[in-house]
C-alpha atoms as a PDB file:
ATOM      1  CA  UNK A   1      -3.058  12.887 -10.131  1.00  0.00           C
ATOM      2  CA  UNK A   2      -1.079  11.068  -6.730  1.00  0.00           C
ATOM      3  CA  UNK A   3       1.684  14.428  -6.091  1.00  0.00           C
ATOM      4  CA  UNK A   4      -1.885  16.683  -6.839  1.00  0.00           C
ATOM      5  CA  UNK A   5      -3.864  15.025  -4.050  1.00  0.00           C
ATOM      6  CA  UNK A   6      -0.471  14.772  -1.409  1.00  0.00           C
ATOM      7  CA  UNK A   7      -0.255  18.458  -2.465  1.00  0.00           C
ATOM      8  CA  UNK A   8      -3.902  18.782  -1.211  1.00  0.00           C
ATOM      9  CA  UNK A   9      -3.549  17.128   2.174  1.00  0.00           C
ATOM     10  CA  UNK A  10       0.037  18.700   2.766  1.00  0.00           C
ATOM     11  CA  UNK A  11      -1.301  22.220   2.573  1.00  0.00           C
ATOM     12  CA  UNK A  12      -5.178  21.360   4.652  1.00  0.00           C
ATOM     13  CA  UNK A  13      -2.472  19.688   7.264  1.00  0.00           C
ATOM     14  CA  UNK A  14      -0.417  23.312   7.245  1.00  0.00           C
ATOM     15  CA  UNK A  15      -3.395  25.665   7.468  1.00  0.00           C
ATOM     16  CA  UNK A  16      -5.276  23.488   9.757  1.00  0.00           C
ATOM     17  CA  UNK A  17      -1.661  22.670  12.346  1.00  0.00           C
ATOM     18  CA  UNK A  18      -3.079  25.118  14.687  1.00  0.00           C
ATOM     19  CA  UNK A  19      -6.412  24.347  14.989  1.00  0.00           C
ATOM     20  CA  UNK A  20      -6.747  19.969  13.806  1.00  0.00           C
ATOM     21  CA  UNK A  21      -7.138  18.413  17.225  1.00  0.00           C
ATOM     22  CA  UNK A  22      -4.786  15.226  17.954  1.00  0.00           C
ATOM     23  CA  UNK A  23      -6.457  13.353  15.883  1.00  0.00           C
ATOM     24  CA  UNK A  24      -7.725  14.514  13.179  1.00  0.00           C
ATOM     25  CA  UNK A  25      -3.318  15.862  12.977  1.00  0.00           C
ATOM     26  CA  UNK A  26      -2.670  11.788  13.618  1.00  0.00           C
ATOM     27  CA  UNK A  27      -5.518  10.986  10.357  1.00  0.00           C
ATOM     28  CA  UNK A  28      -3.800  13.283   8.242  1.00  0.00           C
ATOM     29  CA  UNK A  29      -0.784  12.176   8.229  1.00  0.00           C
ATOM     30  CA  UNK A  30      -2.207   8.250   7.239  1.00  0.00           C
ATOM     31  CA  UNK A  31      -3.425  10.328   4.291  1.00  0.00           C
ATOM     32  CA  UNK A  32      -0.252  11.787   3.117  1.00  0.00           C
ATOM     33  CA  UNK A  33       1.474   7.804   4.056  1.00  0.00           C
ATOM     34  CA  UNK A  34      -1.279   6.297   2.402  1.00  0.00           C
ATOM     35  CA  UNK A  35      -1.026   8.324  -0.714  1.00  0.00           C
ATOM     36  CA  UNK A  36       3.025   7.957  -1.127  1.00  0.00           C
ATOM     37  CA  UNK A  37       2.095   3.698  -0.675  1.00  0.00           C
ATOM     38  CA  UNK A  38       0.016   3.637  -3.271  1.00  0.00           C
ATOM     39  CA  UNK A  39       2.442   6.428  -5.056  1.00  0.00           C
ATOM     40  CA  UNK A  40       5.100   4.312  -4.774  1.00  0.00           C
ATOM     41  CA  UNK A  41       3.147   1.174  -5.260  1.00  0.00           C
ATOM     42  CA  UNK A  42       1.882   2.862  -8.917  1.00  0.00           C
ATOM     43  CA  UNK A  43       6.032   3.118 -10.234  1.00  0.00           C
ATOM     44  CA  UNK A  44       7.509  -0.347  -9.051  1.00  0.00           C
ATOM     45  CA  UNK A  45       4.461  -2.121 -10.781  1.00  0.00           C
ATOM     46  CA  UNK A  46       4.977   0.208 -13.566  1.00  0.00           C
ATOM     47  CA  UNK A  47       8.863  -0.278 -13.693  1.00  0.00           C
ATOM     48  CA  UNK A  48       9.261  -4.161 -12.814  1.00  0.00           C
ATOM     49  CA  UNK A  49       6.470  -4.944 -14.962  1.00  0.00           C
ATOM     50  CA  UNK A  50       8.152  -2.768 -17.874  1.00  0.00           C
ATOM     51  CA  UNK A  51      10.883  -4.825 -17.081  1.00  0.00           C
ATOM     52  CA  UNK A  52      10.155  -8.346 -16.615  1.00  0.00           C
ATOM     53  CA  UNK A  53       7.361  -8.108 -19.922  1.00  0.00           C
ATOM     54  CA  UNK A  54       8.668  -5.453 -22.580  1.00  0.00           C
ATOM     55  CA  UNK A  55      12.407  -4.944 -22.135  1.00  0.00           C
ATOM     56  CA  UNK A  56      15.247  -4.092 -19.628  1.00  0.00           C
ATOM     57  CA  UNK A  57      15.943  -0.278 -19.605  1.00  0.00           C
ATOM     58  CA  UNK A  58      19.471   0.247 -19.673  1.00  0.00           C
ATOM     59  CA  UNK A  59      19.839   2.394 -16.987  1.00  0.00           C
ATOM     60  CA  UNK A  60      22.349   0.528 -14.418  1.00  0.00           C
ATOM     61  CA  UNK A  61      25.602   3.242 -13.832  1.00  0.00           C
ATOM     62  CA  UNK A  62      22.419   6.833 -13.192  1.00  0.00           C
ATOM     63  CA  UNK A  63      22.862   7.428  -9.598  1.00  0.00           C
ATOM     64  CA  UNK A  64      18.505   7.725  -8.969  1.00  0.00           C
ATOM     65  CA  UNK A  65      18.786   4.660 -10.254  1.00  0.00           C
ATOM     66  CA  UNK A  66      16.354   1.938  -7.077  1.00  0.00           C
ATOM     67  CA  UNK A  67      17.861  -1.337  -5.923  1.00  0.00           C
ATOM     68  CA  UNK A  68      15.242  -3.760  -6.369  1.00  0.00           C
ATOM     69  CA  UNK A  69      15.017  -2.873 -10.243  1.00  0.00           C
ATOM     70  CA  UNK A  70      16.381  -5.131 -12.740  1.00  0.00           C
ATOM     71  CA  UNK A  71      15.885  -8.329  -9.606  1.00  0.00           C
ATOM     72  CA  UNK A  72      12.455  -8.289  -8.821  1.00  0.00           C
ATOM     73  CA  UNK A  73      10.746 -11.394 -10.838  1.00  0.00           C
ATOM     74  CA  UNK A  74       7.587 -12.025 -11.268  1.00  0.00           C
ATOM     75  CA  UNK A  75       6.799 -13.707  -8.272  1.00  0.00           C
ATOM     76  CA  UNK A  76       8.536 -10.935  -6.081  1.00  0.00           C
ATOM     77  CA  UNK A  77       6.398  -8.024  -7.554  1.00  0.00           C
ATOM     78  CA  UNK A  78       3.413  -9.989  -7.058  1.00  0.00           C
ATOM     79  CA  UNK A  79       3.996 -10.263  -2.928  1.00  0.00           C
ATOM     80  CA  UNK A  80       5.506  -6.893  -3.635  1.00  0.00           C
ATOM     81  CA  UNK A  81       2.028  -5.975  -4.568  1.00  0.00           C
ATOM     82  CA  UNK A  82       0.209  -8.107  -1.991  1.00  0.00           C
ATOM     83  CA  UNK A  83       2.010  -6.307   1.016  1.00  0.00           C
ATOM     84  CA  UNK A  84       1.357  -2.952  -0.757  1.00  0.00           C
ATOM     85  CA  UNK A  85      -2.175  -3.226  -1.213  1.00  0.00           C
ATOM     86  CA  UNK A  86      -2.134  -5.332   2.579  1.00  0.00           C
ATOM     87  CA  UNK A  87      -0.455  -2.319   4.360  1.00  0.00           C
ATOM     88  CA  UNK A  88      -2.569   0.804   2.745  1.00  0.00           C
ATOM     89  CA  UNK A  89      -5.653  -1.244   3.494  1.00  0.00           C
ATOM     90  CA  UNK A  90      -4.590  -0.953   7.443  1.00  0.00           C
ATOM     91  CA  UNK A  91      -3.996   2.475   7.006  1.00  0.00           C
ATOM     92  CA  UNK A  92      -7.667   2.723   4.966  1.00  0.00           C
ATOM     93  CA  UNK A  93      -9.187   0.782   7.897  1.00  0.00           C
ATOM     94  CA  UNK A  94      -6.809   2.367  11.137  1.00  0.00           C
ATOM     95  CA  UNK A  95      -8.415   6.336   9.031  1.00  0.00           C
ATOM     96  CA  UNK A  96     -11.921   4.825   9.769  1.00  0.00           C
ATOM     97  CA  UNK A  97     -11.369   2.748  13.246  1.00  0.00           C
ATOM     98  CA  UNK A  98     -10.085   6.724  14.706  1.00  0.00           C
ATOM     99  CA  UNK A  99     -12.423   8.479  12.903  1.00  0.00           C
ATOM    100  CA  UNK A 100     -15.575   6.890  15.015  1.00  0.00           C
ATOM    101  CA  UNK A 101     -15.877   9.621  17.743  1.00  0.00           C
ATOM    102  CA  UNK A 102     -16.930   7.166  21.033  1.00  0.00           C
ATOM    103  CA  UNK A 103     -20.405   5.883  21.778  1.00  0.00           C
ATOM    104  CA  UNK A 104     -22.102   7.988  18.728  1.00  0.00           C
ATOM    105  CA  UNK A 105     -22.237   4.206  16.633  1.00  0.00           C
ATOM    106  CA  UNK A 106     -23.726   6.120  12.839  1.00  0.00           C
ATOM    107  CA  UNK A 107     -25.927   2.694  11.944  1.00  0.00           C
ATOM    108  CA  UNK A 108     -24.691   0.715   8.787  1.00  0.00           C
ATOM    109  CA  UNK A 109     -21.202   2.406  10.060  1.00  0.00           C
ATOM    110  CA  UNK A 110     -21.170  -1.456  12.796  1.00  0.00           C
ATOM    111  CA  UNK A 111     -21.251  -3.714   8.970  1.00  0.00           C
ATOM    112  CA  UNK A 112     -19.354  -1.046   7.315  1.00  0.00           C
ATOM    113  CA  UNK A 113     -16.263  -1.339   9.034  1.00  0.00           C
ATOM    114  CA  UNK A 114     -16.996  -4.822  10.075  1.00  0.00           C
ATOM    115  CA  UNK A 115     -16.847  -5.770   6.250  1.00  0.00           C
ATOM    116  CA  UNK A 116     -14.128  -3.571   6.462  1.00  0.00           C
ATOM    117  CA  UNK A 117     -12.062  -5.953   8.049  1.00  0.00           C
ATOM    118  CA  UNK A 118     -13.396  -9.535   6.108  1.00  0.00           C
ATOM    119  CA  UNK A 119     -11.971  -7.159   3.263  1.00  0.00           C
ATOM    120  CA  UNK A 120      -8.317  -6.647   5.343  1.00  0.00           C
ATOM    121  CA  UNK A 121      -7.846 -10.071   6.638  1.00  0.00           C
ATOM    122  CA  UNK A 122      -8.784 -11.186   2.862  1.00  0.00           C
ATOM    123  CA  UNK A 123      -5.957  -9.614   1.408  1.00  0.00           C
ATOM    124  CA  UNK A 124      -3.445 -11.131   4.651  1.00  0.00           C
ATOM    125  CA  UNK A 125      -5.153 -14.569   3.660  1.00  0.00           C
ATOM    126  CA  UNK A 126      -4.242 -13.820  -0.110  1.00  0.00           C
ATOM    127  CA  UNK A 127      -0.635 -13.010   0.851  1.00  0.00           C
ATOM    128  CA  UNK A 128       0.093 -15.665   3.065  1.00  0.00           C
ATOM    129  CA  UNK A 129      -0.657 -17.932   0.469  1.00  0.00           C
ATOM    130  CA  UNK A 130       1.353 -16.635  -2.311  1.00  0.00           C
ATOM    131  CA  UNK A 131       4.392 -16.655  -0.324  1.00  0.00           C
ATOM    132  CA  UNK A 132       3.572 -20.124   0.556  1.00  0.00           C
ATOM    133  CA  UNK A 133       2.902 -21.194  -3.542  1.00  0.00           C
ATOM    134  CA  UNK A 134       5.830 -19.833  -4.248  1.00  0.00           C
ATOM    135  CA  UNK A 135       7.322 -21.546  -1.694  1.00  0.00           C
ATOM    136  CA  UNK A 136       6.510 -24.691  -2.189  1.00  0.00           C
ATOM    137  CA  UNK A 137       7.208 -23.968  -6.552  1.00  0.00           C
ATOM    138  CA  UNK A 138      10.428 -22.377  -5.675  1.00  0.00           C
ATOM    139  CA  UNK A 139      10.806 -26.201  -3.989  1.00  0.00           C
ATOM    140  CA  UNK A 140       9.837 -28.108  -6.099  1.00  0.00           C
ATOM    141  CA  UNK A 141      11.985 -26.288  -9.234  1.00  0.00           C
ATOM    142  CA  UNK A 142      14.851 -26.851  -6.866  1.00  0.00           C
ATOM    143  CA  UNK A 143      15.006 -30.416  -6.687  1.00  0.00           C
ATOM    144  CA  UNK A 144      13.980 -31.572 -10.530  1.00  0.00           C
END
């Protein structure tokens, strides 16, 4: 589904390149980046989750094997997951801010943007707390 959306957005960019404004072009590229990050997040969770909880994948000598495969434990997966969520949230927030027309605030938009910023900040705070908890856990396990 993500591949179809990526192709659809790419086609939209190609067919409207000459008529797009600069901000529309930036928004279109941000949409492609957002779709790519979401797809990467999905693949990372699938592969790392399988390796951590089901079975090791025997692809050691394959040339297309990702560098992180087999090295990402559950704590690393949590941090990569929250970092990807923060990046996706930030891109969506930027897209919404860029879509605003100067001087034309639609009723309810300011409240919606406020809550988007709050949720983004909660994601950031959650990531910092997870990293801090993992650091504490690693230091207490190393001193036993």
